[in-house]
Amino acid sequence: MRLWVGTDGIEVEGKILQDRQVLTVYRWYGKRRYLLGDCRSVAQVREHVSDLATLVEVVRLPRR
């Protein structure tokens, strides 16, 4: 699983749904996370994210 976060509470999560790779877009409002859509392409993600350049990947480091 890959995760990108951006401004305005945006999260984009890469995952597999029904044997297809999708990018799921969420937005945080306060303490709640709302699903905005499952996108099949970056062009579809752009409909939910104002500026794709603001997304940064979250890298989880292994524990020691």
Protein backbone atom coordinates (compact mmCIF):
# COMPACT_ATOMS: atom_id res chain seq x y z
CA MET A 1 0.00 0.00 0.00
CA ARG A 2 1.24 3.46 -0.90
CA LEU A 3 0.01 6.66 0.65
CA TRP A 4 0.33 10.27 -0.44
CA VAL A 5 -0.85 13.25 1.62
CA GLY A 6 -1.49 16.79 0.51
CA THR A 7 -2.87 20.09 1.65
CA ASP A 8 -6.45 20.58 2.83
CA GLY A 9 -6.59 17.14 4.44
CA ILE A 10 -6.24 15.18 1.19
CA GLU A 11 -5.00 11.56 1.25
CA VAL A 12 -4.46 9.36 -1.80
CA GLU A 13 -4.03 5.64 -1.18
CA GLY A 14 -2.92 3.18 -3.84
CA LYS A 15 -4.55 -0.23 -3.51
CA ILE A 16 -6.05 -3.17 -5.39
CA LEU A 17 -9.84 -3.40 -5.76
CA GLN A 18 -11.39 -6.29 -7.67
CA ASP A 19 -8.03 -7.18 -9.27
CA ARG A 20 -7.48 -3.59 -10.49
CA GLN A 21 -5.12 -0.97 -9.19
CA VAL A 22 -6.96 2.15 -8.00
CA LEU A 23 -6.07 5.39 -6.28
CA THR A 24 -8.55 6.08 -3.50
CA VAL A 25 -8.93 9.75 -2.58
CA TYR A 26 -10.00 10.77 0.93
CA ARG A 27 -10.39 14.13 2.64
CA TRP A 28 -10.16 14.76 6.37
CA TYR A 29 -12.74 17.11 7.90
CA GLY A 30 -11.93 17.51 11.57
CA LYS A 31 -11.53 14.00 12.95
CA ARG A 32 -13.48 12.28 10.14
CA ARG A 33 -12.14 10.91 6.87
CA TYR A 34 -14.50 10.98 3.89
CA LEU A 35 -14.16 8.97 0.70
CA LEU A 36 -14.12 11.22 -2.36
CA GLY A 37 -13.64 8.53 -4.97
CA ASP A 38 -11.80 5.52 -6.37
CA CYS A 39 -9.80 6.68 -9.38
CA ARG A 40 -8.30 4.55 -12.15
CA SER A 41 -5.93 7.26 -13.39
CA VAL A 42 -4.01 10.28 -12.18
CA ALA A 43 -6.26 12.42 -14.37
CA GLN A 44 -9.21 11.35 -12.24
CA VAL A 45 -7.28 12.13 -9.05
CA ARG A 46 -6.70 15.64 -10.40
CA GLU A 47 -10.49 16.19 -10.27
CA HIS A 48 -10.30 15.92 -6.45
CA VAL A 49 -6.85 17.44 -5.79
CA SER A 50 -6.32 21.08 -6.66
CA ASP A 51 -2.55 20.72 -7.22
CA LEU A 52 -0.93 17.30 -7.68
CA ALA A 53 2.49 18.80 -6.90
CA THR A 54 1.44 19.23 -3.26
CA LEU A 55 1.13 15.46 -2.73
CA VAL A 56 4.03 13.86 -0.88
CA GLU A 57 4.51 10.14 -0.36
CA VAL A 58 4.50 8.80 3.18
CA VAL A 59 7.32 6.28 3.59
CA ARG A 60 7.03 3.93 6.53
CA LEU A 61 10.44 2.98 7.85
CA PRO A 62 10.99 -0.46 9.36
CA ARG A 63 11.27 -0.66 13.13
CA ARG A 64 14.59 -1.58 14.65
